[in-house]
């Protein structure tokens, strides 16, 4: 499926039709309008919106939520906000991890 590699405009109609590619554990469909915004489809058929970016040379992914709990528009809005914070130098992964207790 070529869409998984080249990117597409994620809309409700498109997301409803997208499926997991056999032979992979996860299939990513990257949005061509908002760089870093994507849909992940697992081998079990679960669809989740994510952002994907590089921080200090490493690929980082943050799950925004499952399709159905979030609309495409809501996920896109969250993605814009998080990607904006990454552009300002924040690391959304580090912010989600609980702080370790230091005695």
PDB file of N, CA and C in Angstrom:
ATOM      1  N   UNK A   1       0.840  -1.178   0.000  1.00  0.00           N
ATOM      2  CA  UNK A   1       0.000   0.000   0.000  1.00  0.00           C
ATOM      3  C   UNK A   1       0.883   1.238   0.000  1.00  0.00           C
ATOM      4  N   UNK A   2       0.876   1.975  -1.054  1.00  0.00           N
ATOM      5  CA  UNK A   2       1.779   3.107  -1.235  1.00  0.00           C
ATOM      6  C   UNK A   2       1.520   4.232  -0.240  1.00  0.00           C
ATOM      7  N   UNK A   3       0.279   4.389   0.225  1.00  0.00           N
ATOM      8  CA  UNK A   3      -0.036   5.494   1.126  1.00  0.00           C
ATOM      9  C   UNK A   3       0.798   5.457   2.402  1.00  0.00           C
ATOM     10  N   UNK A   4       1.136   4.263   2.863  1.00  0.00           N
ATOM     11  CA  UNK A   4       1.888   4.141   4.113  1.00  0.00           C
ATOM     12  C   UNK A   4       3.274   4.760   3.986  1.00  0.00           C
ATOM     13  N   UNK A   5       3.858   4.731   2.800  1.00  0.00           N
ATOM     14  CA  UNK A   5       5.196   5.277   2.627  1.00  0.00           C
ATOM     15  C   UNK A   5       5.199   6.766   2.285  1.00  0.00           C
ATOM     16  N   UNK A   6       4.305   7.205   1.413  1.00  0.00           N
ATOM     17  CA  UNK A   6       4.434   8.571   0.894  1.00  0.00           C
ATOM     18  C   UNK A   6       3.649   9.626   1.647  1.00  0.00           C
ATOM     19  N   UNK A   7       2.672   9.260   2.439  1.00  0.00           N
ATOM     20  CA  UNK A   7       1.874  10.232   3.168  1.00  0.00           C
ATOM     21  C   UNK A   7       0.605  10.592   2.424  1.00  0.00           C
ATOM     22  N   UNK A   8      -0.421  10.878   3.203  1.00  0.00           N
ATOM     23  CA  UNK A   8      -1.734  11.223   2.672  1.00  0.00           C
ATOM     24  C   UNK A   8      -2.358  12.273   3.571  1.00  0.00           C
ATOM     25  N   UNK A   9      -3.417  12.881   3.126  1.00  0.00           N
ATOM     26  CA  UNK A   9      -4.176  13.812   3.965  1.00  0.00           C
ATOM     27  C   UNK A   9      -5.112  12.973   4.821  1.00  0.00           C
ATOM     28  N   UNK A  10      -4.899  12.979   6.128  1.00  0.00           N
ATOM     29  CA  UNK A  10      -5.752  12.204   7.021  1.00  0.00           C
ATOM     30  C   UNK A  10      -7.082  12.917   7.217  1.00  0.00           C
ATOM     31  N   UNK A  11      -8.154  12.250   6.819  1.00  0.00           N
ATOM     32  CA  UNK A  11      -9.520  12.723   7.015  1.00  0.00           C
ATOM     33  C   UNK A  11     -10.327  11.560   7.570  1.00  0.00           C
ATOM     34  N   UNK A  12     -11.526  11.826   8.069  1.00  0.00           N
ATOM     35  CA  UNK A  12     -12.375  10.760   8.603  1.00  0.00           C
ATOM     36  C   UNK A  12     -12.612   9.683   7.557  1.00  0.00           C
ATOM     37  N   UNK A  13     -12.951  10.091   6.341  1.00  0.00           N
ATOM     38  CA  UNK A  13     -13.228   9.135   5.269  1.00  0.00           C
ATOM     39  C   UNK A  13     -12.017   8.258   4.991  1.00  0.00           C
ATOM     40  N   UNK A  14     -10.845   8.868   4.923  1.00  0.00           N
ATOM     41  CA  UNK A  14      -9.610   8.124   4.650  1.00  0.00           C
ATOM     42  C   UNK A  14      -9.272   7.196   5.815  1.00  0.00           C
ATOM     43  N   UNK A  15      -9.324   7.715   7.043  1.00  0.00           N
ATOM     44  CA  UNK A  15      -8.964   6.914   8.218  1.00  0.00           C
ATOM     45  C   UNK A  15      -9.881   5.698   8.341  1.00  0.00           C
ATOM     46  N   UNK A  16     -11.161   5.871   8.043  1.00  0.00           N
ATOM     47  CA  UNK A  16     -12.098   4.741   8.086  1.00  0.00           C
ATOM     48  C   UNK A  16     -11.668   3.613   7.152  1.00  0.00           C
ATOM     49  N   UNK A  17     -11.039   3.958   6.038  1.00  0.00           N
ATOM     50  CA  UNK A  17     -10.662   2.969   5.022  1.00  0.00           C
ATOM     51  C   UNK A  17      -9.281   2.349   5.241  1.00  0.00           C
ATOM     52  N   UNK A  18      -8.421   3.016   5.987  1.00  0.00           N
ATOM     53  CA  UNK A  18      -7.046   2.535   6.149  1.00  0.00           C
ATOM     54  C   UNK A  18      -6.992   1.258   6.967  1.00  0.00           C
ATOM     55  N   UNK A  19      -6.115   0.349   6.541  1.00  0.00           N
ATOM     56  CA  UNK A  19      -5.979  -0.943   7.201  1.00  0.00           C
ATOM     57  C   UNK A  19      -4.515  -1.247   7.492  1.00  0.00           C
ATOM     58  N   UNK A  20      -4.326  -2.208   8.353  1.00  0.00           N
ATOM     59  CA  UNK A  20      -2.996  -2.705   8.680  1.00  0.00           C
ATOM     60  C   UNK A  20      -2.431  -3.460   7.478  1.00  0.00           C
ATOM     61  N   UNK A  21      -1.138  -3.295   7.219  1.00  0.00           N
ATOM     62  CA  UNK A  21      -0.476  -4.031   6.140  1.00  0.00           C
ATOM     63  C   UNK A  21       0.034  -5.354   6.715  1.00  0.00           C
ATOM     64  N   UNK A  22      -0.418  -6.488   6.169  1.00  0.00           N
ATOM     65  CA  UNK A  22       0.019  -7.793   6.681  1.00  0.00           C
ATOM     66  C   UNK A  22       1.545  -7.935   6.644  1.00  0.00           C
ATOM     67  N   UNK A  23       2.071  -8.627   7.641  1.00  0.00           N
ATOM     68  CA  UNK A  23       3.511  -8.851   7.717  1.00  0.00           C
ATOM     69  C   UNK A  23       4.233  -7.836   8.582  1.00  0.00           C
ATOM     70  N   UNK A  24       3.539  -6.807   9.026  1.00  0.00           N
ATOM     71  CA  UNK A  24       4.128  -5.791   9.896  1.00  0.00           C
ATOM     72  C   UNK A  24       3.367  -5.781  11.218  1.00  0.00           C
ATOM     73  N   UNK A  25       4.039  -5.394  12.296  1.00  0.00           N
ATOM     74  CA  UNK A  25       3.335  -5.292  13.570  1.00  0.00           C
ATOM     75  C   UNK A  25       2.527  -4.003  13.641  1.00  0.00           C
ATOM     76  N   UNK A  26       3.046  -2.946  13.003  1.00  0.00           N
ATOM     77  CA  UNK A  26       2.364  -1.654  12.967  1.00  0.00           C
ATOM     78  C   UNK A  26       2.517  -1.045  11.583  1.00  0.00           C
ATOM     79  N   UNK A  27       1.488  -0.352  11.145  1.00  0.00           N
ATOM     80  CA  UNK A  27       1.548   0.379   9.886  1.00  0.00           C
ATOM     81  C   UNK A  27       1.331   1.852  10.204  1.00  0.00           C
ATOM     82  N   UNK A  28       2.179   2.717   9.651  1.00  0.00           N
ATOM     83  CA  UNK A  28       2.070   4.152   9.884  1.00  0.00           C
ATOM     84  C   UNK A  28       1.623   4.848   8.604  1.00  0.00           C
ATOM     85  N   UNK A  29       0.619   5.702   8.750  1.00  0.00           N
ATOM     86  CA  UNK A  29       0.145   6.534   7.649  1.00  0.00           C
ATOM     87  C   UNK A  29       0.410   7.978   8.052  1.00  0.00           C
ATOM     88  N   UNK A  30       1.387   8.583   7.403  1.00  0.00           N
ATOM     89  CA  UNK A  30       1.797   9.941   7.754  1.00  0.00           C
ATOM     90  C   UNK A  30       0.987  10.975   6.982  1.00  0.00           C
ATOM     91  N   UNK A  31       0.576  12.012   7.701  1.00  0.00           N
ATOM     92  CA  UNK A  31      -0.213  13.089   7.109  1.00  0.00           C
ATOM     93  C   UNK A  31       0.696  13.985   6.280  1.00  0.00           C
ATOM     94  N   UNK A  32       0.275  14.322   5.061  1.00  0.00           N
ATOM     95  CA  UNK A  32       1.130  15.170   4.232  1.00  0.00           C
ATOM     96  C   UNK A  32       0.844  16.657   4.421  1.00  0.00           C
ATOM     97  N   UNK A  33      -0.146  17.009   5.249  1.00  0.00           N
ATOM     98  CA  UNK A  33      -0.412  18.419   5.538  1.00  0.00           C
ATOM     99  C   UNK A  33       0.293  18.903   6.802  1.00  0.00           C
ATOM    100  N   UNK A  34       0.429  18.029   7.792  1.00  0.00           N
ATOM    101  CA  UNK A  34       1.064  18.394   9.054  1.00  0.00           C
ATOM    102  C   UNK A  34       2.209  17.421   9.322  1.00  0.00           C
ATOM    103  N   UNK A  35       3.425  17.883   9.083  1.00  0.00           N
ATOM    104  CA  UNK A  35       4.603  17.027   9.268  1.00  0.00           C
ATOM    105  C   UNK A  35       4.702  16.586  10.727  1.00  0.00           C
ATOM    106  N   UNK A  36       4.843  15.269  10.921  1.00  0.00           N
ATOM    107  CA  UNK A  36       4.952  14.719  12.265  1.00  0.00           C
ATOM    108  C   UNK A  36       3.659  14.119  12.787  1.00  0.00           C
ATOM    109  N   UNK A  37       2.537  14.352  12.109  1.00  0.00           N
ATOM    110  CA  UNK A  37       1.232  13.818  12.506  1.00  0.00           C
ATOM    111  C   UNK A  37       0.973  12.551  11.707  1.00  0.00           C
ATOM    112  N   UNK A  38       0.538  11.486  12.388  1.00  0.00           N
ATOM    113  CA  UNK A  38       0.340  10.213  11.697  1.00  0.00           C
ATOM    114  C   UNK A  38      -0.732   9.377  12.381  1.00  0.00           C
ATOM    115  N   UNK A  39      -1.155   8.347  11.653  1.00  0.00           N
ATOM    116  CA  UNK A  39      -2.065   7.336  12.177  1.00  0.00           C
ATOM    117  C   UNK A  39      -1.298   6.026  12.238  1.00  0.00           C
ATOM    118  N   UNK A  40      -1.370   5.347  13.386  1.00  0.00           N
ATOM    119  CA  UNK A  40      -0.749   4.034  13.540  1.00  0.00           C
ATOM    120  C   UNK A  40      -1.872   3.001  13.575  1.00  0.00           C
ATOM    121  N   UNK A  41      -1.730   1.945  12.759  1.00  0.00           N
ATOM    122  CA  UNK A  41      -2.693   0.847  12.755  1.00  0.00           C
ATOM    123  C   UNK A  41      -1.941  -0.411  13.168  1.00  0.00           C
ATOM    124  N   UNK A  42      -2.391  -1.050  14.249  1.00  0.00           N
ATOM    125  CA  UNK A  42      -1.719  -2.253  14.742  1.00  0.00           C
ATOM    126  C   UNK A  42      -2.223  -3.486  13.999  1.00  0.00           C
ATOM    127  N   UNK A  43      -1.540  -4.600  14.212  1.00  0.00           N
ATOM    128  CA  UNK A  43      -1.948  -5.853  13.574  1.00  0.00           C
ATOM    129  C   UNK A  43      -3.332  -6.287  14.047  1.00  0.00           C
ATOM    130  N   UNK A  44      -3.758  -5.813  15.205  1.00  0.00           N
ATOM    131  CA  UNK A  44      -5.095  -6.105  15.718  1.00  0.00           C
ATOM    132  C   UNK A  44      -6.158  -5.161  15.189  1.00  0.00           C
ATOM    133  N   UNK A  45      -5.743  -4.189  14.369  1.00  0.00           N
ATOM    134  CA  UNK A  45      -6.685  -3.256  13.770  1.00  0.00           C
ATOM    135  C   UNK A  45      -6.960  -1.997  14.569  1.00  0.00           C
ATOM    136  N   UNK A  46      -6.261  -1.809  15.690  1.00  0.00           N
ATOM    137  CA  UNK A  46      -6.462  -0.614  16.507  1.00  0.00           C
ATOM    138  C   UNK A  46      -5.802   0.579  15.819  1.00  0.00           C
ATOM    139  N   UNK A  47      -6.564   1.660  15.677  1.00  0.00           N
ATOM    140  CA  UNK A  47      -6.071   2.878  15.027  1.00  0.00           C
ATOM    141  C   UNK A  47      -5.851   3.950  16.086  1.00  0.00           C
ATOM    142  N   UNK A  48      -4.631   4.495  16.114  1.00  0.00           N
ATOM    143  CA  UNK A  48      -4.278   5.540  17.071  1.00  0.00           C
ATOM    144  C   UNK A  48      -3.563   6.672  16.355  1.00  0.00           C
ATOM    145  N   UNK A  49      -3.840   7.885  16.809  1.00  0.00           N
ATOM    146  CA  UNK A  49      -3.141   9.049  16.281  1.00  0.00           C
ATOM    147  C   UNK A  49      -1.860   9.250  17.078  1.00  0.00           C
ATOM    148  N   UNK A  50      -0.797   9.629  16.375  1.00  0.00           N
ATOM    149  CA  UNK A  50       0.493   9.850  17.022  1.00  0.00           C
ATOM    150  C   UNK A  50       1.148  11.106  16.455  1.00  0.00           C
ATOM    151  N   UNK A  51       2.135  11.601  17.199  1.00  0.00           N
ATOM    152  CA  UNK A  51       3.087  12.536  16.599  1.00  0.00           C
ATOM    153  C   UNK A  51       4.417  11.807  16.585  1.00  0.00           C
ATOM    154  N   UNK A  52       5.226  12.153  15.617  1.00  0.00           N
ATOM    155  CA  UNK A  52       6.530  11.519  15.433  1.00  0.00           C
ATOM    156  C   UNK A  52       7.522  12.624  15.107  1.00  0.00           C
ATOM    157  N   UNK A  53       8.609  12.671  15.866  1.00  0.00           N
ATOM    158  CA  UNK A  53       9.602  13.718  15.653  1.00  0.00           C
ATOM    159  C   UNK A  53      10.975  13.206  16.075  1.00  0.00           C
ATOM    160  N   UNK A  54      11.993  13.956  15.755  1.00  0.00           N
ATOM    161  CA  UNK A  54      13.355  13.623  16.192  1.00  0.00           C
ATOM    162  C   UNK A  54      13.766  14.616  17.268  1.00  0.00           C
ATOM    163  N   UNK A  55      14.268  14.062  18.361  1.00  0.00           N
ATOM    164  CA  UNK A  55      14.792  14.882  19.446  1.00  0.00           C
ATOM    165  C   UNK A  55      16.165  14.327  19.778  1.00  0.00           C
ATOM    166  N   UNK A  56      17.173  15.178  19.676  1.00  0.00           N
ATOM    167  CA  UNK A  56      18.572  14.763  19.893  1.00  0.00           C
ATOM    168  C   UNK A  56      18.945  13.574  19.012  1.00  0.00           C
ATOM    169  N   UNK A  57      18.456  13.572  17.776  1.00  0.00           N
ATOM    170  CA  UNK A  57      18.803  12.538  16.810  1.00  0.00           C
ATOM    171  C   UNK A  57      18.022  11.243  16.928  1.00  0.00           C
ATOM    172  N   UNK A  58      17.130  11.144  17.904  1.00  0.00           N
ATOM    173  CA  UNK A  58      16.353   9.917  18.093  1.00  0.00           C
ATOM    174  C   UNK A  58      14.890  10.160  17.726  1.00  0.00           C
ATOM    175  N   UNK A  59      14.290   9.164  17.064  1.00  0.00           N
ATOM    176  CA  UNK A  59      12.871   9.259  16.722  1.00  0.00           C
ATOM    177  C   UNK A  59      12.053   9.053  17.989  1.00  0.00           C
ATOM    178  N   UNK A  60      11.148   9.975  18.233  1.00  0.00           N
ATOM    179  CA  UNK A  60      10.251   9.891  19.393  1.00  0.00           C
ATOM    180  C   UNK A  60       8.820   9.877  18.873  1.00  0.00           C
ATOM    181  N   UNK A  61       8.000   9.027  19.464  1.00  0.00           N
ATOM    182  CA  UNK A  61       6.581   8.963  19.115  1.00  0.00           C
ATOM    183  C   UNK A  61       5.761   9.165  20.381  1.00  0.00           C
ATOM    184  N   UNK A  62       4.713   9.964  20.254  1.00  0.00           N
ATOM    185  CA  UNK A  62       3.778  10.186  21.348  1.00  0.00           C
ATOM    186  C   UNK A  62       2.393   9.828  20.834  1.00  0.00           C
ATOM    187  N   UNK A  63       1.701   8.953  21.563  1.00  0.00           N
ATOM    188  CA  UNK A  63       0.339   8.590  21.189  1.00  0.00           C
ATOM    189  C   UNK A  63      -0.614   9.651  21.715  1.00  0.00           C
ATOM    190  N   UNK A  64      -1.438  10.176  20.816  1.00  0.00           N
ATOM    191  CA  UNK A  64      -2.417  11.190  21.191  1.00  0.00           C
ATOM    192  C   UNK A  64      -3.701  10.552  21.702  1.00  0.00           C
ATOM    193  N   UNK A  65      -4.104   9.449  21.085  1.00  0.00           N
ATOM    194  CA  UNK A  65      -5.323   8.757  21.490  1.00  0.00           C
ATOM    195  C   UNK A  65      -5.833   7.870  20.376  1.00  0.00           C
ATOM    196  N   UNK A  66      -6.793   7.033  20.723  1.00  0.00           N
ATOM    197  CA  UNK A  66      -7.365   6.111  19.748  1.00  0.00           C
ATOM    198  C   UNK A  66      -8.405   6.807  18.883  1.00  0.00           C
ATOM    199  N   UNK A  67      -8.437   6.383  17.613  1.00  0.00           N
ATOM    200  CA  UNK A  67      -9.464   6.857  16.697  1.00  0.00           C
ATOM    201  C   UNK A  67     -10.800   6.332  17.207  1.00  0.00           C
ATOM    202  N   UNK A  68     -11.765   7.198  17.295  1.00  0.00           N
ATOM    203  CA  UNK A  68     -13.057   6.864  17.891  1.00  0.00           C
ATOM    204  C   UNK A  68     -13.213   7.640  19.187  1.00  0.00           C
ATOM    205  N   UNK A  69     -12.158   7.627  20.007  1.00  0.00           N
ATOM    206  CA  UNK A  69     -12.136   8.485  21.190  1.00  0.00           C
ATOM    207  C   UNK A  69     -11.772   9.909  20.789  1.00  0.00           C
ATOM    208  N   UNK A  70     -10.976  10.029  19.737  1.00  0.00           N
ATOM    209  CA  UNK A  70     -10.563  11.322  19.176  1.00  0.00           C
ATOM    210  C   UNK A  70     -10.997  11.378  17.722  1.00  0.00           C
ATOM    211  N   UNK A  71     -11.474  12.521  17.292  1.00  0.00           N
ATOM    212  CA  UNK A  71     -11.734  12.708  15.866  1.00  0.00           C
ATOM    213  C   UNK A  71     -10.428  13.102  15.192  1.00  0.00           C
ATOM    214  N   UNK A  72     -10.410  13.054  13.883  1.00  0.00           N
ATOM    215  CA  UNK A  72      -9.215  13.472  13.143  1.00  0.00           C
ATOM    216  C   UNK A  72      -8.902  14.932  13.461  1.00  0.00           C
ATOM    217  N   UNK A  73      -9.939  15.769  13.521  1.00  0.00           N
ATOM    218  CA  UNK A  73      -9.737  17.200  13.775  1.00  0.00           C
ATOM    219  C   UNK A  73      -9.166  17.448  15.170  1.00  0.00           C
ATOM    220  N   UNK A  74      -9.694  16.732  16.176  1.00  0.00           N
ATOM    221  CA  UNK A  74      -9.181  16.884  17.543  1.00  0.00           C
ATOM    222  C   UNK A  74      -7.726  16.434  17.628  1.00  0.00           C
ATOM    223  N   UNK A  75      -7.424  15.317  16.992  1.00  0.00           N
ATOM    224  CA  UNK A  75      -6.052  14.798  17.005  1.00  0.00           C
ATOM    225  C   UNK A  75      -5.098  15.755  16.300  1.00  0.00           C
ATOM    226  N   UNK A  76      -5.531  16.323  15.178  1.00  0.00           N
ATOM    227  CA  UNK A  76      -4.696  17.272  14.438  1.00  0.00           C
ATOM    228  C   UNK A  76      -4.396  18.503  15.305  1.00  0.00           C
ATOM    229  N   UNK A  77      -5.406  18.975  16.029  1.00  0.00           N
ATOM    230  CA  UNK A  77      -5.232  20.143  16.897  1.00  0.00           C
ATOM    231  C   UNK A  77      -4.225  19.835  18.013  1.00  0.00           C
ATOM    232  N   UNK A  78      -4.349  18.650  18.636  1.00  0.00           N
ATOM    233  CA  UNK A  78      -3.391  18.242  19.672  1.00  0.00           C
ATOM    234  C   UNK A  78      -1.986  18.104  19.092  1.00  0.00           C
ATOM    235  N   UNK A  79      -1.907  17.537  17.894  1.00  0.00           N
ATOM    236  CA  UNK A  79      -0.609  17.346  17.236  1.00  0.00           C
ATOM    237  C   UNK A  79       0.066  18.688  16.981  1.00  0.00           C
ATOM    238  N   UNK A  80      -0.694  19.664  16.485  1.00  0.00           N
ATOM    239  CA  UNK A  80      -0.122  20.999  16.238  1.00  0.00           C
ATOM    240  C   UNK A  80       0.448  21.584  17.519  1.00  0.00           C
ATOM    241  N   UNK A  81      -0.294  21.438  18.609  1.00  0.00           N
ATOM    242  CA  UNK A  81       0.148  21.977  19.889  1.00  0.00           C
ATOM    243  C   UNK A  81       1.429  21.292  20.369  1.00  0.00           C
ATOM    244  N   UNK A  82       1.451  19.963  20.344  1.00  0.00           N
ATOM    245  CA  UNK A  82       2.642  19.229  20.793  1.00  0.00           C
ATOM    246  C   UNK A  82       3.841  19.462  19.887  1.00  0.00           C
ATOM    247  N   UNK A  83       3.618  19.479  18.582  1.00  0.00           N
ATOM    248  CA  UNK A  83       4.722  19.724  17.651  1.00  0.00           C
ATOM    249  C   UNK A  83       5.274  21.136  17.828  1.00  0.00           C
ATOM    250  N   UNK A  84       4.398  22.071  18.178  1.00  0.00           N
ATOM    251  CA  UNK A  84       4.840  23.431  18.477  1.00  0.00           C
ATOM    252  C   UNK A  84       5.734  23.469  19.704  1.00  0.00           C
ATOM    253  N   UNK A  85       5.376  22.685  20.727  1.00  0.00           N
ATOM    254  CA  UNK A  85       6.210  22.652  21.932  1.00  0.00           C
ATOM    255  C   UNK A  85       7.560  21.995  21.651  1.00  0.00           C
ATOM    256  N   UNK A  86       7.573  21.000  20.761  1.00  0.00           N
ATOM    257  CA  UNK A  86       8.843  20.379  20.359  1.00  0.00           C
ATOM    258  C   UNK A  86       9.716  21.407  19.646  1.00  0.00           C
ATOM    259  N   UNK A  87       9.107  22.217  18.792  1.00  0.00           N
ATOM    260  CA  UNK A  87       9.849  23.252  18.064  1.00  0.00           C
ATOM    261  C   UNK A  87      10.449  24.281  19.025  1.00  0.00           C
ATOM    262  N   UNK A  88       9.801  24.464  20.188  1.00  0.00           N
ATOM    263  CA  UNK A  88      10.322  25.395  21.194  1.00  0.00           C
ATOM    264  C   UNK A  88      11.369  24.741  22.097  1.00  0.00           C
ATOM    265  N   UNK A  89      11.669  23.450  21.843  1.00  0.00           N
ATOM    266  CA  UNK A  89      12.719  22.782  22.598  1.00  0.00           C
ATOM    267  C   UNK A  89      12.239  21.831  23.675  1.00  0.00           C
ATOM    268  N   UNK A  90      10.927  21.661  23.825  1.00  0.00           N
ATOM    269  CA  UNK A  90      10.397  20.748  24.839  1.00  0.00           C
ATOM    270  C   UNK A  90      10.462  19.307  24.342  1.00  0.00           C
ATOM    271  N   UNK A  91      10.492  18.369  25.271  1.00  0.00           N
ATOM    272  CA  UNK A  91      10.471  16.939  24.956  1.00  0.00           C
ATOM    273  C   UNK A  91       9.195  16.352  25.555  1.00  0.00           C
ATOM    274  N   UNK A  92       8.169  16.083  24.728  1.00  0.00           N
ATOM    275  CA  UNK A  92       6.898  15.589  25.262  1.00  0.00           C
ATOM    276  C   UNK A  92       7.002  14.214  25.915  1.00  0.00           C
ATOM    277  N   UNK A  93       7.979  13.409  25.521  1.00  0.00           N
ATOM    278  CA  UNK A  93       8.173  12.094  26.137  1.00  0.00           C
ATOM    279  C   UNK A  93       8.662  12.273  27.575  1.00  0.00           C
ATOM    280  N   UNK A  94       9.642  13.124  27.769  1.00  0.00           N
ATOM    281  CA  UNK A  94      10.195  13.354  29.104  1.00  0.00           C
ATOM    282  C   UNK A  94       9.137  13.931  30.035  1.00  0.00           C
ATOM    283  N   UNK A  95       8.255  14.768  29.499  1.00  0.00           N
ATOM    284  CA  UNK A  95       7.217  15.385  30.315  1.00  0.00           C
ATOM    285  C   UNK A  95       6.159  14.378  30.745  1.00  0.00           C
ATOM    286  N   UNK A  96       5.941  13.318  29.954  1.00  0.00           N
ATOM    287  CA  UNK A  96       4.934  12.314  30.294  1.00  0.00           C
ATOM    288  C   UNK A  96       5.435  11.310  31.325  1.00  0.00           C
ATOM    289  N   UNK A  97       6.763  11.107  31.384  1.00  0.00           N
ATOM    290  CA  UNK A  97       7.325  10.123  32.309  1.00  0.00           C
ATOM    291  C   UNK A  97       7.255  10.661  33.735  1.00  0.00           C
ATOM    292  N   UNK A  98       6.860   9.817  34.683  1.00  0.00           N
ATOM    293  CA  UNK A  98       6.843  10.277  36.076  1.00  0.00           C
ATOM    294  C   UNK A  98       8.265  10.514  36.580  1.00  0.00           C
ATOM    295  N   UNK A  99       8.397  11.497  37.408  1.00  0.00           N
ATOM    296  CA  UNK A  99       9.704  11.805  37.991  1.00  0.00           C
ATOM    297  C   UNK A  99      10.063  10.725  39.009  1.00  0.00           C
ATOM    298  N   UNK A 100      11.318  10.278  38.972  1.00  0.00           N
ATOM    299  CA  UNK A 100      11.774   9.270  39.929  1.00  0.00           C
ATOM    300  C   UNK A 100      12.045   9.940  41.264  1.00  0.00           C
ATOM    301  N   UNK A 101      11.691   9.240  42.317  1.00  0.00           N
ATOM    302  CA  UNK A 101      11.900   9.750  43.665  1.00  0.00           C
ATOM    303  C   UNK A 101      13.365   9.621  44.044  1.00  0.00           C
ATOM    304  N   UNK A 102      13.939  10.711  44.463  1.00  0.00           N
ATOM    305  CA  UNK A 102      15.332  10.719  44.918  1.00  0.00           C
ATOM    306  C   UNK A 102      15.332  11.042  46.411  1.00  0.00           C
ATOM    307  N   UNK A 103      15.757  10.084  47.259  1.00  0.00           N
ATOM    308  CA  UNK A 103      15.760  10.345  48.715  1.00  0.00           C
ATOM    309  C   UNK A 103      16.820  11.330  49.125  1.00  0.00           C
TER     310      UNK A 103
END
